[in-house]
PDB file of N, CA and C in Angstrom:
ATOM      1  N   UNK A   1     -38.341 -42.159  24.870  1.00  0.00           N
ATOM      2  CA  UNK A   1     -38.716 -43.433  24.826  1.00  0.00           C
ATOM      3  C   UNK A   1     -37.803 -44.448  25.702  1.00  0.00           C
ATOM      4  N   UNK A   2     -38.598 -45.065  26.552  1.00  0.00           N
ATOM      5  CA  UNK A   2     -37.882 -46.010  27.532  1.00  0.00           C
ATOM      6  C   UNK A   2     -38.202 -47.465  27.007  1.00  0.00           C
ATOM      7  N   UNK A   3     -37.154 -48.159  27.323  1.00  0.00           N
ATOM      8  CA  UNK A   3     -37.324 -49.548  26.830  1.00  0.00           C
ATOM      9  C   UNK A   3     -36.460 -50.450  27.769  1.00  0.00           C
ATOM     10  N   UNK A   4     -37.050 -51.571  28.274  1.00  0.00           N
ATOM     11  CA  UNK A   4     -36.240 -52.466  29.148  1.00  0.00           C
ATOM     12  C   UNK A   4     -36.062 -53.914  28.462  1.00  0.00           C
ATOM     13  N   UNK A   5     -34.979 -54.569  28.452  1.00  0.00           N
ATOM     14  CA  UNK A   5     -34.734 -55.756  27.868  1.00  0.00           C
ATOM     15  C   UNK A   5     -34.116 -56.845  28.881  1.00  0.00           C
ATOM     16  N   UNK A   6     -34.587 -58.031  28.848  1.00  0.00           N
ATOM     17  CA  UNK A   6     -34.012 -58.954  29.686  1.00  0.00           C
ATOM     18  C   UNK A   6     -32.751 -59.389  29.010  1.00  0.00           C
ATOM     19  N   UNK A   7     -31.521 -59.478  29.673  1.00  0.00           N
ATOM     20  CA  UNK A   7     -30.383 -59.827  28.903  1.00  0.00           C
ATOM     21  C   UNK A   7     -30.295 -61.423  28.888  1.00  0.00           C
ATOM     22  N   UNK A   8     -29.448 -62.079  27.866  1.00  0.00           N
ATOM     23  CA  UNK A   8     -29.370 -63.440  27.687  1.00  0.00           C
ATOM     24  C   UNK A   8     -27.913 -63.685  27.537  1.00  0.00           C
ATOM     25  N   UNK A   9     -27.411 -64.783  28.129  1.00  0.00           N
ATOM     26  CA  UNK A   9     -26.115 -65.351  28.038  1.00  0.00           C
ATOM     27  C   UNK A   9     -24.956 -64.665  28.720  1.00  0.00           C
ATOM     28  N   UNK A  10     -25.283 -63.543  29.511  1.00  0.00           N
ATOM     29  CA  UNK A  10     -24.316 -62.847  30.249  1.00  0.00           C
ATOM     30  C   UNK A  10     -24.637 -62.864  31.710  1.00  0.00           C
ATOM     31  N   UNK A  11     -23.745 -62.318  32.514  1.00  0.00           N
ATOM     32  CA  UNK A  11     -23.940 -62.048  33.986  1.00  0.00           C
ATOM     33  C   UNK A  11     -25.196 -61.130  34.346  1.00  0.00           C
ATOM     34  N   UNK A  12     -25.161 -59.991  33.541  1.00  0.00           N
ATOM     35  CA  UNK A  12     -26.173 -58.900  33.708  1.00  0.00           C
ATOM     36  C   UNK A  12     -27.458 -59.369  33.546  1.00  0.00           C
ATOM     37  N   UNK A  13     -28.545 -58.936  34.139  1.00  0.00           N
ATOM     38  CA  UNK A  13     -29.751 -59.476  34.034  1.00  0.00           C
ATOM     39  C   UNK A  13     -30.860 -58.809  33.119  1.00  0.00           C
ATOM     40  N   UNK A  14     -30.653 -57.409  33.014  1.00  0.00           N
ATOM     41  CA  UNK A  14     -31.517 -56.542  32.162  1.00  0.00           C
ATOM     42  C   UNK A  14     -30.806 -55.348  31.881  1.00  0.00           C
ATOM     43  N   UNK A  15     -31.282 -54.613  30.836  1.00  0.00           N
ATOM     44  CA  UNK A  15     -30.723 -53.361  30.279  1.00  0.00           C
ATOM     45  C   UNK A  15     -31.935 -52.442  30.220  1.00  0.00           C
ATOM     46  N   UNK A  16     -31.758 -51.147  30.730  1.00  0.00           N
ATOM     47  CA  UNK A  16     -32.884 -50.220  30.536  1.00  0.00           C
ATOM     48  C   UNK A  16     -32.329 -48.957  29.643  1.00  0.00           C
ATOM     49  N   UNK A  17     -32.990 -48.598  28.692  1.00  0.00           N
ATOM     50  CA  UNK A  17     -32.459 -47.521  27.913  1.00  0.00           C
ATOM     51  C   UNK A  17     -33.561 -46.382  27.833  1.00  0.00           C
ATOM     52  N   UNK A  18     -33.101 -45.215  27.689  1.00  0.00           N
ATOM     53  CA  UNK A  18     -33.899 -44.091  27.537  1.00  0.00           C
ATOM     54  C   UNK A  18     -33.339 -43.364  26.280  1.00  0.00           C
ATOM     55  N   UNK A  19     -34.203 -43.296  25.280  1.00  0.00           N
ATOM     56  CA  UNK A  19     -33.685 -42.555  23.975  1.00  0.00           C
ATOM     57  C   UNK A  19     -34.627 -41.131  23.862  1.00  0.00           C
ATOM     58  N   UNK A  20     -34.039 -40.202  23.374  1.00  0.00           N
ATOM     59  CA  UNK A  20     -34.847 -38.856  23.143  1.00  0.00           C
ATOM     60  C   UNK A  20     -35.478 -38.957  21.648  1.00  0.00           C
ATOM     61  N   UNK A  21     -36.224 -37.996  21.240  1.00  0.00           N
ATOM     62  CA  UNK A  21     -36.986 -38.068  20.043  1.00  0.00           C
ATOM     63  C   UNK A  21     -36.079 -38.123  18.716  1.00  0.00           C
ATOM     64  N   UNK A  22     -34.924 -37.919  18.953  1.00  0.00           N
ATOM     65  CA  UNK A  22     -33.865 -37.995  17.838  1.00  0.00           C
ATOM     66  C   UNK A  22     -33.024 -39.315  17.780  1.00  0.00           C
ATOM     67  N   UNK A  23     -33.398 -40.112  18.766  1.00  0.00           N
ATOM     68  CA  UNK A  23     -32.748 -41.554  18.744  1.00  0.00           C
ATOM     69  C   UNK A  23     -31.319 -41.357  19.426  1.00  0.00           C
ATOM     70  N   UNK A  24     -31.174 -40.474  20.282  1.00  0.00           N
ATOM     71  CA  UNK A  24     -29.944 -40.101  20.970  1.00  0.00           C
ATOM     72  C   UNK A  24     -30.141 -40.633  22.427  1.00  0.00           C
ATOM     73  N   UNK A  25     -29.181 -41.308  22.903  1.00  0.00           N
ATOM     74  CA  UNK A  25     -29.177 -42.043  24.203  1.00  0.00           C
ATOM     75  C   UNK A  25     -29.178 -41.138  25.243  1.00  0.00           C
ATOM     76  N   UNK A  26     -30.255 -41.075  26.172  1.00  0.00           N
ATOM     77  CA  UNK A  26     -30.178 -40.162  27.423  1.00  0.00           C
ATOM     78  C   UNK A  26     -29.651 -40.907  28.546  1.00  0.00           C
ATOM     79  N   UNK A  27     -29.917 -42.162  28.556  1.00  0.00           N
ATOM     80  CA  UNK A  27     -29.338 -43.002  29.717  1.00  0.00           C
ATOM     81  C   UNK A  27     -29.404 -44.466  29.477  1.00  0.00           C
ATOM     82  N   UNK A  28     -28.516 -45.367  29.976  1.00  0.00           N
ATOM     83  CA  UNK A  28     -28.544 -46.682  29.930  1.00  0.00           C
ATOM     84  C   UNK A  28     -28.230 -47.161  31.319  1.00  0.00           C
ATOM     85  N   UNK A  29     -29.087 -48.049  31.788  1.00  0.00           N
ATOM     86  CA  UNK A  29     -28.696 -48.730  33.167  1.00  0.00           C
ATOM     87  C   UNK A  29     -28.786 -50.214  32.956  1.00  0.00           C
ATOM     88  N   UNK A  30     -27.744 -50.834  33.524  1.00  0.00           N
ATOM     89  CA  UNK A  30     -27.505 -52.420  33.204  1.00  0.00           C
ATOM     90  C   UNK A  30     -27.570 -52.877  34.714  1.00  0.00           C
ATOM     91  N   UNK A  31     -28.385 -53.968  34.967  1.00  0.00           N
ATOM     92  CA  UNK A  31     -28.699 -54.639  36.266  1.00  0.00           C
ATOM     93  C   UNK A  31     -27.573 -55.632  36.260  1.00  0.00           C
ATOM     94  N   UNK A  32     -26.821 -55.789  37.320  1.00  0.00           N
ATOM     95  CA  UNK A  32     -25.930 -56.978  37.571  1.00  0.00           C
ATOM     96  C   UNK A  32     -24.719 -56.719  36.666  1.00  0.00           C
ATOM     97  N   UNK A  33     -23.979 -57.840  36.456  1.00  0.00           N
ATOM     98  CA  UNK A  33     -22.723 -57.749  35.565  1.00  0.00           C
ATOM     99  C   UNK A  33     -21.588 -57.007  36.245  1.00  0.00           C
ATOM    100  N   UNK A  34     -20.583 -56.557  35.631  1.00  0.00           N
ATOM    101  CA  UNK A  34     -19.463 -55.873  36.256  1.00  0.00           C
ATOM    102  C   UNK A  34     -19.726 -54.397  36.504  1.00  0.00           C
ATOM    103  N   UNK A  35     -20.120 -53.989  37.600  1.00  0.00           N
ATOM    104  CA  UNK A  35     -20.629 -52.876  38.026  1.00  0.00           C
ATOM    105  C   UNK A  35     -19.854 -51.533  37.528  1.00  0.00           C
ATOM    106  N   UNK A  36     -18.552 -51.691  37.748  1.00  0.00           N
ATOM    107  CA  UNK A  36     -17.586 -50.532  37.463  1.00  0.00           C
ATOM    108  C   UNK A  36     -17.609 -50.366  35.918  1.00  0.00           C
ATOM    109  N   UNK A  37     -17.358 -51.419  35.233  1.00  0.00           N
ATOM    110  CA  UNK A  37     -17.225 -51.429  33.777  1.00  0.00           C
ATOM    111  C   UNK A  37     -18.326 -50.859  33.184  1.00  0.00           C
ATOM    112  N   UNK A  38     -19.570 -51.450  33.564  1.00  0.00           N
ATOM    113  CA  UNK A  38     -20.847 -51.152  32.988  1.00  0.00           C
ATOM    114  C   UNK A  38     -21.215 -49.778  33.299  1.00  0.00           C
ATOM    115  N   UNK A  39     -20.915 -49.221  34.410  1.00  0.00           N
ATOM    116  CA  UNK A  39     -21.232 -47.851  34.728  1.00  0.00           C
ATOM    117  C   UNK A  39     -20.232 -46.965  33.822  1.00  0.00           C
ATOM    118  N   UNK A  40     -19.105 -47.307  33.464  1.00  0.00           N
ATOM    119  CA  UNK A  40     -18.331 -46.655  32.650  1.00  0.00           C
ATOM    120  C   UNK A  40     -18.833 -46.540  31.225  1.00  0.00           C
ATOM    121  N   UNK A  41     -19.259 -47.802  30.703  1.00  0.00           N
ATOM    122  CA  UNK A  41     -19.867 -47.775  29.265  1.00  0.00           C
ATOM    123  C   UNK A  41     -21.135 -47.101  29.251  1.00  0.00           C
ATOM    124  N   UNK A  42     -22.017 -47.117  30.245  1.00  0.00           N
ATOM    125  CA  UNK A  42     -23.228 -46.362  30.309  1.00  0.00           C
ATOM    126  C   UNK A  42     -23.061 -44.803  30.099  1.00  0.00           C
ATOM    127  N   UNK A  43     -21.970 -44.550  30.863  1.00  0.00           N
ATOM    128  CA  UNK A  43     -21.668 -43.036  31.035  1.00  0.00           C
ATOM    129  C   UNK A  43     -21.081 -42.551  29.682  1.00  0.00           C
ATOM    130  N   UNK A  44     -20.449 -43.338  29.055  1.00  0.00           N
ATOM    131  CA  UNK A  44     -19.815 -43.028  27.543  1.00  0.00           C
ATOM    132  C   UNK A  44     -20.762 -42.930  26.526  1.00  0.00           C
ATOM    133  N   UNK A  45     -21.932 -43.778  26.600  1.00  0.00           N
ATOM    134  CA  UNK A  45     -22.925 -43.831  25.675  1.00  0.00           C
ATOM    135  C   UNK A  45     -23.911 -42.590  25.634  1.00  0.00           C
ATOM    136  N   UNK A  46     -23.985 -41.973  26.836  1.00  0.00           N
ATOM    137  CA  UNK A  46     -24.840 -40.869  27.018  1.00  0.00           C
ATOM    138  C   UNK A  46     -24.659 -39.687  26.001  1.00  0.00           C
ATOM    139  N   UNK A  47     -25.505 -39.277  25.222  1.00  0.00           N
ATOM    140  CA  UNK A  47     -25.377 -38.339  24.175  1.00  0.00           C
ATOM    141  C   UNK A  47     -25.000 -38.896  22.801  1.00  0.00           C
ATOM    142  N   UNK A  48     -24.846 -40.318  22.661  1.00  0.00           N
ATOM    143  CA  UNK A  48     -24.483 -40.851  21.438  1.00  0.00           C
ATOM    144  C   UNK A  48     -25.897 -41.258  20.783  1.00  0.00           C
ATOM    145  N   UNK A  49     -25.703 -41.050  19.475  1.00  0.00           N
ATOM    146  CA  UNK A  49     -26.872 -41.723  18.645  1.00  0.00           C
ATOM    147  C   UNK A  49     -26.959 -43.329  18.723  1.00  0.00           C
ATOM    148  N   UNK A  50     -28.066 -43.725  18.870  1.00  0.00           N
ATOM    149  CA  UNK A  50     -28.239 -45.142  19.051  1.00  0.00           C
ATOM    150  C   UNK A  50     -27.658 -46.060  18.005  1.00  0.00           C
ATOM    151  N   UNK A  51     -27.750 -45.703  16.783  1.00  0.00           N
ATOM    152  CA  UNK A  51     -27.113 -46.416  15.658  1.00  0.00           C
ATOM    153  C   UNK A  51     -25.764 -46.441  15.863  1.00  0.00           C
ATOM    154  N   UNK A  52     -25.161 -45.377  16.255  1.00  0.00           N
ATOM    155  CA  UNK A  52     -23.673 -45.467  16.508  1.00  0.00           C
ATOM    156  C   UNK A  52     -23.281 -46.367  17.573  1.00  0.00           C
ATOM    157  N   UNK A  53     -23.931 -46.367  18.550  1.00  0.00           N
ATOM    158  CA  UNK A  53     -23.591 -47.132  19.742  1.00  0.00           C
ATOM    159  C   UNK A  53     -23.848 -48.716  19.370  1.00  0.00           C
ATOM    160  N   UNK A  54     -24.792 -48.975  18.584  1.00  0.00           N
ATOM    161  CA  UNK A  54     -25.059 -50.381  18.044  1.00  0.00           C
ATOM    162  C   UNK A  54     -23.904 -50.897  17.215  1.00  0.00           C
ATOM    163  N   UNK A  55     -23.540 -49.922  16.340  1.00  0.00           N
ATOM    164  CA  UNK A  55     -22.378 -50.236  15.355  1.00  0.00           C
ATOM    165  C   UNK A  55     -21.096 -50.472  16.103  1.00  0.00           C
ATOM    166  N   UNK A  56     -20.926 -49.864  17.123  1.00  0.00           N
ATOM    167  CA  UNK A  56     -19.510 -49.995  17.955  1.00  0.00           C
ATOM    168  C   UNK A  56     -19.660 -51.139  18.866  1.00  0.00           C
ATOM    169  N   UNK A  57     -20.812 -51.672  19.412  1.00  0.00           N
ATOM    170  CA  UNK A  57     -20.964 -52.681  20.366  1.00  0.00           C
ATOM    171  C   UNK A  57     -21.382 -54.104  19.923  1.00  0.00           C
ATOM    172  N   UNK A  58     -22.435 -54.084  18.836  1.00  0.00           N
ATOM    173  CA  UNK A  58     -22.958 -55.261  18.545  1.00  0.00           C
ATOM    174  C   UNK A  58     -21.950 -56.414  18.020  1.00  0.00           C
ATOM    175  N   UNK A  59     -22.104 -57.494  18.494  1.00  0.00           N
ATOM    176  CA  UNK A  59     -21.210 -58.702  18.069  1.00  0.00           C
ATOM    177  C   UNK A  59     -20.055 -58.763  19.126  1.00  0.00           C
ATOM    178  N   UNK A  60     -19.725 -57.832  20.056  1.00  0.00           N
ATOM    179  CA  UNK A  60     -18.529 -58.141  20.831  1.00  0.00           C
ATOM    180  C   UNK A  60     -18.838 -59.285  21.830  1.00  0.00           C
ATOM    181  N   UNK A  61     -17.821 -59.909  22.106  1.00  0.00           N
ATOM    182  CA  UNK A  61     -17.967 -61.270  22.983  1.00  0.00           C
ATOM    183  C   UNK A  61     -17.267 -61.077  24.307  1.00  0.00           C
ATOM    184  N   UNK A  62     -17.662 -61.734  25.325  1.00  0.00           N
ATOM    185  CA  UNK A  62     -17.039 -61.884  26.635  1.00  0.00           C
ATOM    186  C   UNK A  62     -16.662 -63.260  26.750  1.00  0.00           C
ATOM    187  N   UNK A  63     -15.062 -63.289  26.702  1.00  0.00           N
ATOM    188  CA  UNK A  63     -14.426 -64.688  26.818  1.00  0.00           C
ATOM    189  C   UNK A  63     -15.079 -65.610  25.738  1.00  0.00           C
ATOM    190  N   UNK A  64     -15.438 -66.818  26.280  1.00  0.00           N
ATOM    191  CA  UNK A  64     -15.777 -67.805  25.210  1.00  0.00           C
ATOM    192  C   UNK A  64     -17.471 -67.589  24.978  1.00  0.00           C
ATOM    193  N   UNK A  65     -18.031 -66.787  25.665  1.00  0.00           N
ATOM    194  CA  UNK A  65     -19.554 -66.406  25.374  1.00  0.00           C
ATOM    195  C   UNK A  65     -19.733 -65.947  23.929  1.00  0.00           C
ATOM    196  N   UNK A  66     -20.905 -66.244  23.328  1.00  0.00           N
ATOM    197  CA  UNK A  66     -21.274 -65.658  21.997  1.00  0.00           C
ATOM    198  C   UNK A  66     -21.752 -64.140  22.198  1.00  0.00           C
ATOM    199  N   UNK A  67     -21.729 -63.678  23.321  1.00  0.00           N
ATOM    200  CA  UNK A  67     -22.351 -62.252  23.597  1.00  0.00           C
ATOM    201  C   UNK A  67     -21.450 -61.616  24.718  1.00  0.00           C
ATOM    202  N   UNK A  68     -21.883 -60.533  24.957  1.00  0.00           N
ATOM    203  CA  UNK A  68     -21.362 -59.622  26.276  1.00  0.00           C
ATOM    204  C   UNK A  68     -22.384 -58.563  26.537  1.00  0.00           C
ATOM    205  N   UNK A  69     -22.033 -57.997  27.723  1.00  0.00           N
ATOM    206  CA  UNK A  69     -22.851 -56.947  28.180  1.00  0.00           C
ATOM    207  C   UNK A  69     -22.987 -55.808  27.105  1.00  0.00           C
ATOM    208  N   UNK A  70     -21.873 -55.386  26.575  1.00  0.00           N
ATOM    209  CA  UNK A  70     -22.179 -54.272  25.496  1.00  0.00           C
ATOM    210  C   UNK A  70     -22.935 -54.805  24.269  1.00  0.00           C
ATOM    211  N   UNK A  71     -22.918 -56.152  23.879  1.00  0.00           N
ATOM    212  CA  UNK A  71     -23.607 -56.707  22.799  1.00  0.00           C
ATOM    213  C   UNK A  71     -25.165 -56.575  23.299  1.00  0.00           C
ATOM    214  N   UNK A  72     -25.369 -56.968  24.656  1.00  0.00           N
ATOM    215  CA  UNK A  72     -26.771 -56.858  25.068  1.00  0.00           C
ATOM    216  C   UNK A  72     -27.302 -55.661  25.066  1.00  0.00           C
ATOM    217  N   UNK A  73     -26.490 -54.691  25.383  1.00  0.00           N
ATOM    218  CA  UNK A  73     -26.980 -53.157  25.275  1.00  0.00           C
ATOM    219  C   UNK A  73     -27.258 -52.859  23.816  1.00  0.00           C
ATOM    220  N   UNK A  74     -26.447 -53.396  22.821  1.00  0.00           N
ATOM    221  CA  UNK A  74     -26.875 -53.063  21.466  1.00  0.00           C
ATOM    222  C   UNK A  74     -28.219 -53.623  21.110  1.00  0.00           C
ATOM    223  N   UNK A  75     -28.437 -54.887  21.452  1.00  0.00           N
ATOM    224  CA  UNK A  75     -29.678 -55.580  21.289  1.00  0.00           C
ATOM    225  C   UNK A  75     -30.875 -54.573  21.864  1.00  0.00           C
ATOM    226  N   UNK A  76     -30.611 -54.302  23.149  1.00  0.00           N
ATOM    227  CA  UNK A  76     -31.804 -53.434  23.519  1.00  0.00           C
ATOM    228  C   UNK A  76     -31.855 -51.982  22.805  1.00  0.00           C
ATOM    229  N   UNK A  77     -30.789 -51.438  22.405  1.00  0.00           N
ATOM    230  CA  UNK A  77     -31.003 -50.320  21.605  1.00  0.00           C
ATOM    231  C   UNK A  77     -31.753 -50.556  20.364  1.00  0.00           C
ATOM    232  N   UNK A  78     -31.258 -51.612  19.543  1.00  0.00           N
ATOM    233  CA  UNK A  78     -31.908 -52.028  18.402  1.00  0.00           C
ATOM    234  C   UNK A  78     -33.458 -52.256  18.616  1.00  0.00           C
ATOM    235  N   UNK A  79     -33.825 -53.092  19.656  1.00  0.00           N
ATOM    236  CA  UNK A  79     -35.152 -53.323  20.000  1.00  0.00           C
ATOM    237  C   UNK A  79     -35.996 -51.961  20.286  1.00  0.00           C
ATOM    238  N   UNK A  80     -35.403 -51.146  21.120  1.00  0.00           N
ATOM    239  CA  UNK A  80     -36.060 -49.811  21.297  1.00  0.00           C
ATOM    240  C   UNK A  80     -36.314 -48.962  20.018  1.00  0.00           C
ATOM    241  N   UNK A  81     -35.284 -48.909  19.265  1.00  0.00           N
ATOM    242  CA  UNK A  81     -35.442 -48.274  17.881  1.00  0.00           C
ATOM    243  C   UNK A  81     -36.628 -48.727  17.092  1.00  0.00           C
ATOM    244  N   UNK A  82     -36.622 -50.166  17.069  1.00  0.00           N
ATOM    245  CA  UNK A  82     -37.668 -50.863  16.377  1.00  0.00           C
ATOM    246  C   UNK A  82     -39.024 -50.570  16.990  1.00  0.00           C
ATOM    247  N   UNK A  83     -39.211 -50.604  18.206  1.00  0.00           N
ATOM    248  CA  UNK A  83     -40.457 -50.304  19.034  1.00  0.00           C
ATOM    249  C   UNK A  83     -40.865 -48.840  18.824  1.00  0.00           C
ATOM    250  N   UNK A  84     -39.944 -47.826  18.639  1.00  0.00           N
ATOM    251  CA  UNK A  84     -40.212 -46.444  18.459  1.00  0.00           C
ATOM    252  C   UNK A  84     -40.693 -46.096  17.160  1.00  0.00           C
ATOM    253  N   UNK A  85     -40.278 -46.859  16.041  1.00  0.00           N
ATOM    254  CA  UNK A  85     -40.529 -46.503  14.655  1.00  0.00           C
ATOM    255  C   UNK A  85     -41.393 -47.481  13.995  1.00  0.00           C
TER     256      UNK A  85
END
């Protein structure tokens, strides 16, 4: 299942996620933002259950912002799960 979400409140502009039939993350790609850091986060997420990734990243903040790129990834994963089920 592929899902793309437009990010809000952060430097990155969108998040694209691919989940397998068991809700395991096959890939995550983030456009914009802190390139090196986001490549590392996306690499670490590969093979993780979407729910576990959401639990780890949801609510994280970037400086004074009320969200962060990891939080936006969590939102994309949650929306992908909702769309798939």
